[in-house]
Amino acid sequence: MAGAPGRRGHCDWVAWLAPRAAAVIAIGTCATWGGIPAARGNVTGAMGLDAFLGKDFRSRTGLPIVNVPGCAPNGDAFVELLSYVLLHLGGLVPLDLDELNRPRWLYTTSTPLRPARVPNQSWAEGVESAECSVPVRGWINHIGGCALVGGACNGCTRPDFPDRTLPVIAPQTARTVAGAGGDNQARRLHPV
C-alpha cells in the first residue's frame, strides 16, 4: 500500500484509511463519541471517530460516519446494518440516517433514563430518554440488554454519555465500611 503509515499507531492508520473507505462505521459508544474513556477529565486523549475525523468527514463515496452507539450495541442489528450499507453502496436502497448519523430504524425506541442503584429521582435534569434498539432486540438473538436483565438505561447511546447522563460515576462523598475485605480497617467504597 503506497503511502501507508507503516509501523505507526492506530490513529495514523485510521486517518489514512478512512478517506479511502467506501463507508466508515463506528460500532459502539466509544467508537462513536468516545464513551467513558473520553469522559470529562480524561487524560488519555480518547475520542470517538466523529471528533477524530471531524463532523464534516465523508468517505470516498460521500457517506458520513455511520454511528452505531451502544455499550454494547445490538449484534444482530450491526450485521443488519452492514447488509444495509452494502445494499446502499450497490444503489439498491437509500441510506436512512437520523441527525446523529445513526441508522434511523435502530434508534427509534425511546427508553426512560435512570441509573441503576439510584432511587427514581431527577438525577439528570432535562434528560428524559435515550433512543436504542437494545431494550427491544436485546444484545444478540433477543438475549441480554440492560433493561432486559433488570438494569436501567443510563443513556449510553447518546453523544452526551457519560458526562450528562451518568453522574453516578462522578466523585461523590465516600462511605466507609468497617471490616471490608476481612480486616478491621475502614475502606472507602465508591459508587458505581
N, C-alpha and C. Protein backbone atom coordinates (compact mmCIF):
# COMPACT_ATOMS: atom_id res chain seq x y z
N MET A 1 0.86 -1.17 0.00
CA MET A 1 0.00 0.00 0.00
C MET A 1 0.90 1.23 0.00
N ALA A 2 0.97 1.86 -1.12
CA ALA A 2 1.81 3.05 -1.25
C ALA A 2 1.31 4.16 -0.34
N GLY A 3 2.22 4.77 0.38
CA GLY A 3 1.88 5.88 1.25
C GLY A 3 1.25 5.49 2.57
N ALA A 4 1.14 4.16 2.84
CA ALA A 4 0.55 3.70 4.09
C ALA A 4 1.45 4.10 5.26
N PRO A 5 0.86 4.28 6.45
CA PRO A 5 1.61 4.74 7.61
C PRO A 5 2.74 3.83 8.08
N GLY A 6 2.81 2.58 7.66
CA GLY A 6 3.88 1.70 8.11
C GLY A 6 3.72 1.29 9.56
N ARG A 7 4.77 1.43 10.35
CA ARG A 7 4.75 0.97 11.74
C ARG A 7 4.31 2.08 12.68
N ARG A 8 3.38 2.86 12.31
CA ARG A 8 2.86 3.93 13.16
C ARG A 8 1.68 3.44 13.97
N GLY A 9 1.11 4.32 14.75
CA GLY A 9 -0.01 3.97 15.62
C GLY A 9 -1.33 3.85 14.88
N HIS A 10 -2.34 3.38 15.62
CA HIS A 10 -3.67 3.17 15.05
C HIS A 10 -4.30 4.47 14.57
N CYS A 11 -4.02 5.58 15.20
CA CYS A 11 -4.60 6.85 14.76
C CYS A 11 -4.12 7.20 13.35
N ASP A 12 -2.84 6.93 13.07
CA ASP A 12 -2.31 7.18 11.73
C ASP A 12 -3.01 6.30 10.70
N TRP A 13 -3.25 5.05 11.06
CA TRP A 13 -3.94 4.14 10.15
C TRP A 13 -5.38 4.59 9.90
N VAL A 14 -6.10 4.99 10.96
CA VAL A 14 -7.48 5.45 10.79
C VAL A 14 -7.50 6.69 9.89
N ALA A 15 -6.62 7.65 10.15
CA ALA A 15 -6.56 8.87 9.34
C ALA A 15 -6.25 8.57 7.88
N TRP A 16 -5.45 7.54 7.63
CA TRP A 16 -5.07 7.19 6.26
C TRP A 16 -6.16 6.37 5.57
N LEU A 17 -6.76 5.41 6.30
CA LEU A 17 -7.75 4.50 5.69
C LEU A 17 -9.13 5.12 5.52
N ALA A 18 -9.60 5.89 6.48
CA ALA A 18 -10.98 6.39 6.46
C ALA A 18 -11.35 7.12 5.17
N PRO A 19 -10.56 8.07 4.68
CA PRO A 19 -10.97 8.75 3.45
C PRO A 19 -10.95 7.85 2.21
N ARG A 20 -10.27 6.73 2.29
CA ARG A 20 -10.18 5.78 1.18
C ARG A 20 -11.28 4.73 1.22
N ALA A 21 -11.97 4.63 2.36
CA ALA A 21 -13.01 3.61 2.55
C ALA A 21 -14.30 4.00 1.85
N ALA A 22 -15.05 3.00 1.41
CA ALA A 22 -16.37 3.26 0.82
C ALA A 22 -17.35 3.69 1.90
N ALA A 23 -17.18 3.15 3.11
CA ALA A 23 -18.03 3.52 4.24
C ALA A 23 -17.21 3.37 5.51
N VAL A 24 -17.48 4.25 6.48
CA VAL A 24 -16.84 4.18 7.79
C VAL A 24 -17.96 4.01 8.81
N ILE A 25 -17.90 2.92 9.57
CA ILE A 25 -18.92 2.63 10.56
C ILE A 25 -18.27 2.62 11.94
N ALA A 26 -18.79 3.42 12.83
CA ALA A 26 -18.32 3.45 14.22
C ALA A 26 -19.25 2.56 15.03
N ILE A 27 -18.75 1.43 15.51
CA ILE A 27 -19.58 0.48 16.26
C ILE A 27 -19.27 0.58 17.74
N GLY A 28 -20.27 0.95 18.53
CA GLY A 28 -20.12 1.11 19.97
C GLY A 28 -19.97 2.58 20.35
N THR A 29 -20.33 2.90 21.57
CA THR A 29 -20.30 4.28 22.05
C THR A 29 -18.88 4.85 22.08
N CYS A 30 -17.91 4.04 22.43
CA CYS A 30 -16.52 4.53 22.45
C CYS A 30 -16.07 4.93 21.05
N ALA A 31 -16.42 4.14 20.05
CA ALA A 31 -16.04 4.46 18.67
C ALA A 31 -16.82 5.65 18.13
N THR A 32 -18.09 5.80 18.53
CA THR A 32 -18.89 6.90 18.00
C THR A 32 -18.51 8.23 18.63
N TRP A 33 -18.67 8.33 19.97
CA TRP A 33 -18.45 9.62 20.63
C TRP A 33 -17.42 9.58 21.75
N GLY A 34 -16.75 8.47 21.93
CA GLY A 34 -15.70 8.40 22.93
C GLY A 34 -16.08 7.66 24.19
N GLY A 35 -17.37 7.64 24.54
CA GLY A 35 -17.83 6.90 25.70
C GLY A 35 -17.11 7.27 26.99
N ILE A 36 -17.04 6.33 27.91
CA ILE A 36 -16.42 6.57 29.22
C ILE A 36 -14.95 6.96 29.09
N PRO A 37 -14.15 6.36 28.17
CA PRO A 37 -12.75 6.79 28.07
C PRO A 37 -12.58 8.27 27.74
N ALA A 38 -13.56 8.88 27.09
CA ALA A 38 -13.46 10.29 26.72
C ALA A 38 -14.26 11.20 27.65
N ALA A 39 -14.67 10.68 28.80
CA ALA A 39 -15.46 11.48 29.74
C ALA A 39 -14.68 12.71 30.21
N ARG A 40 -15.43 13.69 30.70
CA ARG A 40 -14.84 14.92 31.22
C ARG A 40 -13.71 14.57 32.19
N GLY A 41 -12.57 15.21 32.01
CA GLY A 41 -11.42 14.96 32.88
C GLY A 41 -10.50 13.87 32.37
N ASN A 42 -10.82 13.27 31.22
CA ASN A 42 -9.97 12.20 30.72
C ASN A 42 -8.60 12.75 30.35
N VAL A 43 -7.58 12.04 30.70
CA VAL A 43 -6.21 12.48 30.42
C VAL A 43 -5.58 11.67 29.29
N THR A 44 -6.37 10.80 28.68
CA THR A 44 -5.84 9.91 27.66
C THR A 44 -5.91 10.48 26.26
N GLY A 45 -6.74 11.48 26.05
CA GLY A 45 -6.96 11.98 24.70
C GLY A 45 -7.95 11.14 23.92
N ALA A 46 -8.63 10.20 24.60
CA ALA A 46 -9.60 9.33 23.93
C ALA A 46 -10.72 10.16 23.32
N MET A 47 -11.16 9.74 22.15
CA MET A 47 -12.26 10.42 21.45
C MET A 47 -12.88 9.45 20.46
N GLY A 48 -14.08 9.77 20.03
CA GLY A 48 -14.76 8.97 19.03
C GLY A 48 -14.33 9.39 17.63
N LEU A 49 -14.78 8.62 16.64
CA LEU A 49 -14.43 8.93 15.25
C LEU A 49 -14.95 10.29 14.81
N ASP A 50 -16.12 10.68 15.32
CA ASP A 50 -16.68 11.99 15.00
C ASP A 50 -15.70 13.11 15.34
N ALA A 51 -15.11 13.04 16.51
CA ALA A 51 -14.15 14.07 16.94
C ALA A 51 -12.83 13.92 16.20
N PHE A 52 -12.39 12.69 15.98
CA PHE A 52 -11.10 12.45 15.35
C PHE A 52 -11.09 12.84 13.87
N LEU A 53 -12.11 12.39 13.14
CA LEU A 53 -12.17 12.67 11.69
C LEU A 53 -12.87 13.99 11.38
N GLY A 54 -13.67 14.48 12.31
CA GLY A 54 -14.40 15.73 12.10
C GLY A 54 -15.84 15.48 11.70
N LYS A 55 -16.71 16.36 12.14
CA LYS A 55 -18.15 16.21 11.85
C LYS A 55 -18.47 16.25 10.36
N ASP A 56 -17.64 16.92 9.58
CA ASP A 56 -17.89 17.04 8.15
C ASP A 56 -17.22 15.94 7.33
N PHE A 57 -16.64 14.94 8.00
CA PHE A 57 -15.96 13.85 7.29
C PHE A 57 -16.91 13.15 6.33
N ARG A 58 -16.39 12.77 5.17
CA ARG A 58 -17.11 11.96 4.20
C ARG A 58 -16.16 10.88 3.68
N SER A 59 -16.71 9.68 3.51
CA SER A 59 -15.92 8.58 2.96
C SER A 59 -15.69 8.83 1.47
N ARG A 60 -14.96 7.94 0.83
CA ARG A 60 -14.67 8.05 -0.60
C ARG A 60 -15.96 8.14 -1.43
N THR A 61 -17.04 7.51 -0.94
CA THR A 61 -18.31 7.53 -1.67
C THR A 61 -19.23 8.66 -1.21
N GLY A 62 -18.73 9.53 -0.33
CA GLY A 62 -19.52 10.67 0.13
C GLY A 62 -20.38 10.42 1.35
N LEU A 63 -20.22 9.26 2.00
CA LEU A 63 -21.02 8.94 3.18
C LEU A 63 -20.40 9.54 4.44
N PRO A 64 -21.26 9.99 5.37
CA PRO A 64 -20.74 10.41 6.68
C PRO A 64 -20.37 9.15 7.48
N ILE A 65 -19.75 9.34 8.62
CA ILE A 65 -19.51 8.22 9.52
C ILE A 65 -20.88 7.70 9.95
N VAL A 66 -21.11 6.41 9.82
CA VAL A 66 -22.36 5.80 10.26
C VAL A 66 -22.14 5.38 11.71
N ASN A 67 -22.87 6.00 12.61
CA ASN A 67 -22.72 5.77 14.05
C ASN A 67 -23.67 4.71 14.55
N VAL A 68 -23.13 3.72 15.27
CA VAL A 68 -23.93 2.67 15.89
C VAL A 68 -23.54 2.62 17.37
N PRO A 69 -24.02 3.62 18.16
CA PRO A 69 -23.64 3.66 19.56
C PRO A 69 -24.35 2.60 20.38
N GLY A 70 -23.82 2.36 21.54
CA GLY A 70 -24.38 1.40 22.48
C GLY A 70 -23.23 0.74 23.20
N CYS A 71 -23.49 0.29 24.39
CA CYS A 71 -22.44 -0.32 25.20
C CYS A 71 -23.00 -1.60 25.81
N ALA A 72 -23.08 -2.61 25.03
CA ALA A 72 -22.70 -2.82 23.64
C ALA A 72 -23.92 -2.65 22.75
N PRO A 73 -23.69 -2.26 21.48
CA PRO A 73 -24.82 -2.18 20.55
C PRO A 73 -25.31 -3.59 20.22
N ASN A 74 -26.50 -3.66 19.70
CA ASN A 74 -27.10 -4.93 19.34
C ASN A 74 -26.31 -5.58 18.21
N GLY A 75 -25.82 -6.81 18.44
CA GLY A 75 -25.01 -7.52 17.46
C GLY A 75 -25.77 -7.85 16.19
N ASP A 76 -27.01 -8.33 16.33
CA ASP A 76 -27.82 -8.65 15.16
C ASP A 76 -28.07 -7.41 14.32
N ALA A 77 -28.32 -6.29 14.99
CA ALA A 77 -28.59 -5.04 14.27
C ALA A 77 -27.34 -4.56 13.54
N PHE A 78 -26.16 -4.81 14.10
CA PHE A 78 -24.92 -4.41 13.42
C PHE A 78 -24.75 -5.19 12.12
N VAL A 79 -25.00 -6.49 12.15
CA VAL A 79 -24.91 -7.29 10.93
C VAL A 79 -25.95 -6.81 9.92
N GLU A 80 -27.14 -6.50 10.40
CA GLU A 80 -28.21 -5.96 9.55
C GLU A 80 -27.75 -4.64 8.91
N LEU A 81 -27.10 -3.80 9.70
CA LEU A 81 -26.60 -2.52 9.18
C LEU A 81 -25.55 -2.74 8.10
N LEU A 82 -24.63 -3.67 8.31
CA LEU A 82 -23.62 -3.95 7.29
C LEU A 82 -24.28 -4.33 5.97
N SER A 83 -25.30 -5.19 6.03
CA SER A 83 -26.04 -5.57 4.82
C SER A 83 -26.68 -4.35 4.18
N TYR A 84 -27.28 -3.51 5.01
CA TYR A 84 -27.94 -2.30 4.54
C TYR A 84 -26.96 -1.36 3.84
N VAL A 85 -25.78 -1.16 4.44
CA VAL A 85 -24.77 -0.27 3.84
C VAL A 85 -24.31 -0.84 2.50
N LEU A 86 -24.09 -2.16 2.43
CA LEU A 86 -23.68 -2.77 1.16
C LEU A 86 -24.76 -2.59 0.09
N LEU A 87 -26.03 -2.76 0.48
CA LEU A 87 -27.12 -2.54 -0.47
C LEU A 87 -27.17 -1.08 -0.92
N HIS A 88 -26.90 -0.17 0.02
CA HIS A 88 -26.87 1.26 -0.33
C HIS A 88 -25.74 1.55 -1.31
N LEU A 89 -24.56 1.01 -1.01
CA LEU A 89 -23.41 1.24 -1.90
C LEU A 89 -23.66 0.65 -3.29
N GLY A 90 -24.47 -0.41 -3.35
CA GLY A 90 -24.85 -1.01 -4.63
C GLY A 90 -25.97 -0.27 -5.32
N GLY A 91 -26.46 0.82 -4.73
CA GLY A 91 -27.52 1.62 -5.34
C GLY A 91 -28.91 1.03 -5.19
N LEU A 92 -29.10 0.11 -4.27
CA LEU A 92 -30.39 -0.57 -4.14
C LEU A 92 -31.32 0.02 -3.10
N VAL A 93 -30.77 0.68 -2.08
CA VAL A 93 -31.60 1.29 -1.04
C VAL A 93 -31.00 2.64 -0.64
N PRO A 94 -31.84 3.58 -0.18
CA PRO A 94 -31.28 4.85 0.32
C PRO A 94 -30.69 4.65 1.72
N LEU A 95 -29.75 5.48 2.08
CA LEU A 95 -29.16 5.43 3.42
C LEU A 95 -30.00 6.32 4.32
N ASP A 96 -30.74 5.73 5.25
CA ASP A 96 -31.66 6.47 6.11
C ASP A 96 -31.04 6.65 7.50
N LEU A 97 -30.35 7.79 7.70
CA LEU A 97 -29.71 8.10 8.97
C LEU A 97 -30.45 9.23 9.67
N ASP A 98 -30.40 9.23 11.01
CA ASP A 98 -31.00 10.33 11.75
C ASP A 98 -30.01 11.49 11.86
N GLU A 99 -30.34 12.51 12.65
CA GLU A 99 -29.49 13.70 12.75
C GLU A 99 -28.14 13.42 13.40
N LEU A 100 -27.99 12.26 14.05
CA LEU A 100 -26.71 11.88 14.67
C LEU A 100 -25.97 10.84 13.82
N ASN A 101 -26.40 10.67 12.58
CA ASN A 101 -25.84 9.70 11.63
C ASN A 101 -25.97 8.25 12.12
N ARG A 102 -27.04 7.97 12.86
CA ARG A 102 -27.36 6.62 13.29
C ARG A 102 -28.40 6.06 12.34
N PRO A 103 -28.39 4.75 12.08
CA PRO A 103 -29.46 4.16 11.26
C PRO A 103 -30.81 4.42 11.93
N ARG A 104 -31.68 5.13 11.24
CA ARG A 104 -32.94 5.57 11.84
C ARG A 104 -33.76 4.42 12.42
N TRP A 105 -33.83 3.28 11.72
CA TRP A 105 -34.67 2.20 12.19
C TRP A 105 -34.13 1.53 13.46
N LEU A 106 -32.86 1.72 13.78
CA LEU A 106 -32.31 1.12 15.00
C LEU A 106 -32.48 2.01 16.23
N TYR A 107 -32.72 3.29 16.02
CA TYR A 107 -32.75 4.23 17.15
C TYR A 107 -34.06 4.99 17.22
N THR A 108 -35.16 4.24 17.21
CA THR A 108 -36.48 4.85 17.31
C THR A 108 -37.18 4.54 18.64
N THR A 109 -36.76 3.47 19.33
CA THR A 109 -37.36 3.11 20.61
C THR A 109 -36.81 4.01 21.69
N SER A 110 -37.69 4.74 22.35
CA SER A 110 -37.27 5.65 23.40
C SER A 110 -37.33 4.92 24.74
N THR A 111 -36.24 4.98 25.50
CA THR A 111 -36.13 4.30 26.78
C THR A 111 -35.92 5.33 27.88
N PRO A 112 -36.72 5.30 28.96
CA PRO A 112 -36.51 6.27 30.05
C PRO A 112 -35.12 6.08 30.69
N LEU A 113 -34.47 7.19 30.96
CA LEU A 113 -33.16 7.14 31.58
C LEU A 113 -33.27 7.15 33.09
N ARG A 114 -32.59 6.28 33.75
CA ARG A 114 -32.38 6.33 35.18
C ARG A 114 -31.29 5.32 35.49
N PRO A 115 -30.36 5.70 36.32
CA PRO A 115 -29.27 4.79 36.62
C PRO A 115 -29.69 3.70 37.59
N ALA A 116 -29.04 2.57 37.49
CA ALA A 116 -29.27 1.50 38.46
C ALA A 116 -28.75 1.97 39.82
N ARG A 117 -29.32 1.49 40.87
CA ARG A 117 -28.90 1.76 42.25
C ARG A 117 -29.14 3.18 42.72
N VAL A 118 -29.90 3.96 42.01
CA VAL A 118 -30.23 5.31 42.46
C VAL A 118 -31.74 5.41 42.46
N PRO A 119 -32.34 5.86 43.56
CA PRO A 119 -33.80 5.97 43.61
C PRO A 119 -34.33 6.82 42.46
N ASN A 120 -35.54 6.55 42.06
CA ASN A 120 -36.15 7.30 40.97
C ASN A 120 -36.25 8.77 41.37
N GLN A 121 -35.38 9.58 40.83
CA GLN A 121 -35.34 10.99 41.16
C GLN A 121 -34.83 11.76 39.95
N SER A 122 -34.88 13.06 40.03
CA SER A 122 -34.37 13.88 38.94
C SER A 122 -32.85 13.93 39.04
N TRP A 123 -32.20 12.93 38.50
CA TRP A 123 -30.75 12.81 38.62
C TRP A 123 -30.02 13.40 37.43
N ALA A 124 -30.68 13.57 36.34
CA ALA A 124 -30.05 14.19 35.17
C ALA A 124 -31.06 15.17 34.59
N GLU A 125 -31.05 16.36 35.11
CA GLU A 125 -32.04 17.36 34.76
C GLU A 125 -32.13 17.58 33.25
N GLY A 126 -33.32 17.50 32.71
CA GLY A 126 -33.55 17.72 31.30
C GLY A 126 -33.29 16.50 30.43
N VAL A 127 -32.75 15.44 30.97
CA VAL A 127 -32.51 14.22 30.20
C VAL A 127 -33.64 13.26 30.50
N GLU A 128 -34.42 12.93 29.50
CA GLU A 128 -35.58 12.10 29.74
C GLU A 128 -35.46 10.70 29.18
N SER A 129 -34.80 10.54 28.03
CA SER A 129 -34.76 9.23 27.41
C SER A 129 -33.58 9.12 26.46
N ALA A 130 -33.34 7.90 26.04
CA ALA A 130 -32.34 7.61 25.02
C ALA A 130 -33.01 6.75 23.96
N GLU A 131 -32.56 6.87 22.74
CA GLU A 131 -33.10 6.05 21.67
C GLU A 131 -32.14 4.88 21.47
N CYS A 132 -32.70 3.67 21.50
CA CYS A 132 -31.84 2.49 21.47
C CYS A 132 -32.67 1.28 21.06
N SER A 133 -32.06 0.35 20.34
CA SER A 133 -32.78 -0.87 19.95
C SER A 133 -32.60 -2.00 20.96
N VAL A 134 -31.65 -1.87 21.87
CA VAL A 134 -31.35 -2.96 22.81
C VAL A 134 -32.55 -3.34 23.68
N PRO A 135 -33.35 -2.39 24.23
CA PRO A 135 -34.49 -2.82 25.04
C PRO A 135 -35.49 -3.68 24.28
N VAL A 136 -35.56 -3.53 22.96
CA VAL A 136 -36.48 -4.30 22.15
C VAL A 136 -35.82 -5.58 21.63
N ARG A 137 -34.57 -5.46 21.14
CA ARG A 137 -33.89 -6.57 20.49
C ARG A 137 -32.95 -7.36 21.38
N GLY A 138 -32.57 -6.83 22.54
CA GLY A 138 -31.54 -7.47 23.34
C GLY A 138 -30.19 -7.23 22.67
N TRP A 139 -29.14 -7.87 23.18
CA TRP A 139 -27.83 -7.69 22.56
C TRP A 139 -27.65 -8.62 21.36
N ILE A 140 -28.00 -9.88 21.53
CA ILE A 140 -27.94 -10.84 20.41
C ILE A 140 -29.09 -11.83 20.58
N ASN A 141 -29.80 -12.09 19.49
CA ASN A 141 -30.91 -13.05 19.49
C ASN A 141 -31.93 -12.78 20.60
N HIS A 142 -32.24 -11.53 20.84
CA HIS A 142 -33.20 -11.10 21.86
C HIS A 142 -32.78 -11.50 23.27
N ILE A 143 -31.49 -11.67 23.50
CA ILE A 143 -30.96 -12.03 24.82
C ILE A 143 -30.11 -10.87 25.31
N GLY A 144 -30.24 -10.55 26.59
CA GLY A 144 -29.41 -9.51 27.19
C GLY A 144 -29.95 -8.12 26.97
N GLY A 145 -29.22 -7.15 27.42
CA GLY A 145 -29.63 -5.76 27.36
C GLY A 145 -29.94 -5.26 28.74
N CYS A 146 -29.45 -4.08 29.07
CA CYS A 146 -29.60 -3.54 30.43
C CYS A 146 -31.02 -3.68 30.96
N ALA A 147 -31.98 -3.15 30.22
CA ALA A 147 -33.37 -3.16 30.69
C ALA A 147 -33.97 -4.56 30.69
N LEU A 148 -33.43 -5.46 29.88
CA LEU A 148 -33.98 -6.81 29.82
C LEU A 148 -33.46 -7.73 30.92
N VAL A 149 -32.37 -7.32 31.59
CA VAL A 149 -31.81 -8.15 32.65
C VAL A 149 -31.92 -7.49 34.02
N GLY A 150 -32.85 -6.54 34.16
CA GLY A 150 -33.11 -5.93 35.45
C GLY A 150 -32.35 -4.64 35.71
N GLY A 151 -31.59 -4.18 34.75
CA GLY A 151 -30.87 -2.93 34.92
C GLY A 151 -31.71 -1.76 34.47
N ALA A 152 -31.10 -0.61 34.41
CA ALA A 152 -31.80 0.60 33.99
C ALA A 152 -30.99 1.28 32.90
N CYS A 153 -31.65 1.99 32.03
CA CYS A 153 -30.97 2.68 30.93
C CYS A 153 -30.19 3.88 31.48
N ASN A 154 -28.92 3.97 31.12
CA ASN A 154 -28.10 5.10 31.56
C ASN A 154 -27.72 6.00 30.39
N GLY A 155 -28.32 5.80 29.23
CA GLY A 155 -28.14 6.70 28.10
C GLY A 155 -26.87 6.49 27.31
N CYS A 156 -26.35 5.28 27.25
CA CYS A 156 -25.07 5.05 26.58
C CYS A 156 -25.11 5.26 25.07
N THR A 157 -26.28 5.42 24.48
CA THR A 157 -26.35 5.65 23.04
C THR A 157 -26.39 7.13 22.69
N ARG A 158 -26.30 7.99 23.69
CA ARG A 158 -26.36 9.44 23.47
C ARG A 158 -24.96 10.03 23.36
N PRO A 159 -24.80 11.09 22.58
CA PRO A 159 -23.47 11.72 22.46
C PRO A 159 -23.01 12.39 23.75
N ASP A 160 -23.92 12.69 24.67
CA ASP A 160 -23.52 13.33 25.93
C ASP A 160 -23.26 12.31 27.04
N PHE A 161 -23.19 11.03 26.70
CA PHE A 161 -22.84 9.98 27.66
C PHE A 161 -21.32 9.95 27.80
N PRO A 162 -20.78 9.85 28.98
CA PRO A 162 -21.40 9.73 30.28
C PRO A 162 -21.53 11.05 31.02
N ASP A 163 -20.94 12.13 30.51
CA ASP A 163 -20.85 13.38 31.27
C ASP A 163 -22.19 13.91 31.76
N ARG A 164 -23.21 13.83 30.94
CA ARG A 164 -24.50 14.38 31.34
C ARG A 164 -25.47 13.31 31.82
N THR A 165 -25.37 12.12 31.29
CA THR A 165 -26.38 11.12 31.59
C THR A 165 -25.99 10.14 32.68
N LEU A 166 -24.75 10.19 33.17
CA LEU A 166 -24.34 9.21 34.16
C LEU A 166 -23.53 9.85 35.28
N PRO A 167 -24.14 10.79 36.02
CA PRO A 167 -23.39 11.44 37.09
C PRO A 167 -23.08 10.51 38.26
N VAL A 168 -23.61 9.30 38.27
CA VAL A 168 -23.30 8.38 39.37
C VAL A 168 -21.84 7.95 39.35
N ILE A 169 -21.10 8.21 38.27
CA ILE A 169 -19.68 7.86 38.27
C ILE A 169 -18.82 9.05 38.69
N ALA A 170 -19.44 10.21 38.84
CA ALA A 170 -18.70 11.38 39.29
C ALA A 170 -18.30 11.21 40.74
N PRO A 171 -17.19 11.83 41.15
CA PRO A 171 -16.78 11.72 42.56
C PRO A 171 -17.90 12.19 43.48
N GLN A 172 -18.19 11.40 44.48
CA GLN A 172 -19.20 11.74 45.46
C GLN A 172 -18.61 11.50 46.84
N THR A 173 -19.34 11.88 47.87
CA THR A 173 -18.87 11.63 49.22
C THR A 173 -18.75 10.13 49.42
N ALA A 174 -17.56 9.68 49.82
CA ALA A 174 -17.33 8.25 50.00
C ALA A 174 -17.93 7.79 51.32
N ARG A 175 -18.34 6.54 51.35
CA ARG A 175 -18.81 5.92 52.58
C ARG A 175 -17.72 4.98 53.06
N THR A 176 -17.71 4.68 54.30
CA THR A 176 -16.73 3.73 54.81
C THR A 176 -17.44 2.54 55.41
N VAL A 177 -16.81 1.40 55.31
CA VAL A 177 -17.35 0.18 55.86
C VAL A 177 -16.26 -0.48 56.68
N ALA A 178 -16.52 -0.74 57.96
CA ALA A 178 -15.53 -1.40 58.81
C ALA A 178 -15.48 -2.88 58.47
N GLY A 179 -14.29 -3.42 58.45
CA GLY A 179 -14.11 -4.85 58.24
C GLY A 179 -14.23 -5.30 56.81
N ALA A 180 -14.30 -4.41 55.85
CA ALA A 180 -14.40 -4.82 54.45
C ALA A 180 -13.12 -5.55 54.06
N GLY A 181 -13.25 -6.64 53.35
CA GLY A 181 -12.10 -7.38 52.88
C GLY A 181 -11.46 -8.24 53.95
N GLY A 182 -12.12 -8.48 55.06
CA GLY A 182 -11.61 -9.39 56.06
C GLY A 182 -10.77 -8.75 57.16
N ASP A 183 -10.44 -7.45 57.04
CA ASP A 183 -9.71 -6.83 58.15
C ASP A 183 -10.59 -5.78 58.81
N ASN A 184 -10.11 -5.20 59.88
CA ASN A 184 -10.93 -4.27 60.64
C ASN A 184 -10.73 -2.82 60.25
N GLN A 185 -9.94 -2.55 59.22
CA GLN A 185 -9.75 -1.16 58.79
C GLN A 185 -10.88 -0.75 57.88
N ALA A 186 -11.28 0.49 58.03
CA ALA A 186 -12.36 1.01 57.16
C ALA A 186 -11.82 1.18 55.76
N ARG A 187 -12.63 0.83 54.77
CA ARG A 187 -12.26 1.01 53.36
C ARG A 187 -13.27 1.93 52.71
N ARG A 188 -12.81 2.70 51.77
CA ARG A 188 -13.71 3.61 51.04
C ARG A 188 -14.40 2.85 49.93
N LEU A 189 -15.67 3.07 49.83
CA LEU A 189 -16.45 2.49 48.75
C LEU A 189 -16.90 3.60 47.83
N HIS A 190 -16.68 3.45 46.57
CA HIS A 190 -17.09 4.46 45.60
C HIS A 190 -18.32 3.93 44.85
N PRO A 191 -19.31 4.79 44.64
CA PRO A 191 -20.50 4.34 43.90
C PRO A 191 -20.12 3.94 42.49
N VAL A 192 -20.83 2.99 41.96
CA VAL A 192 -20.57 2.52 40.61
C VAL A 192 -21.61 3.03 39.68
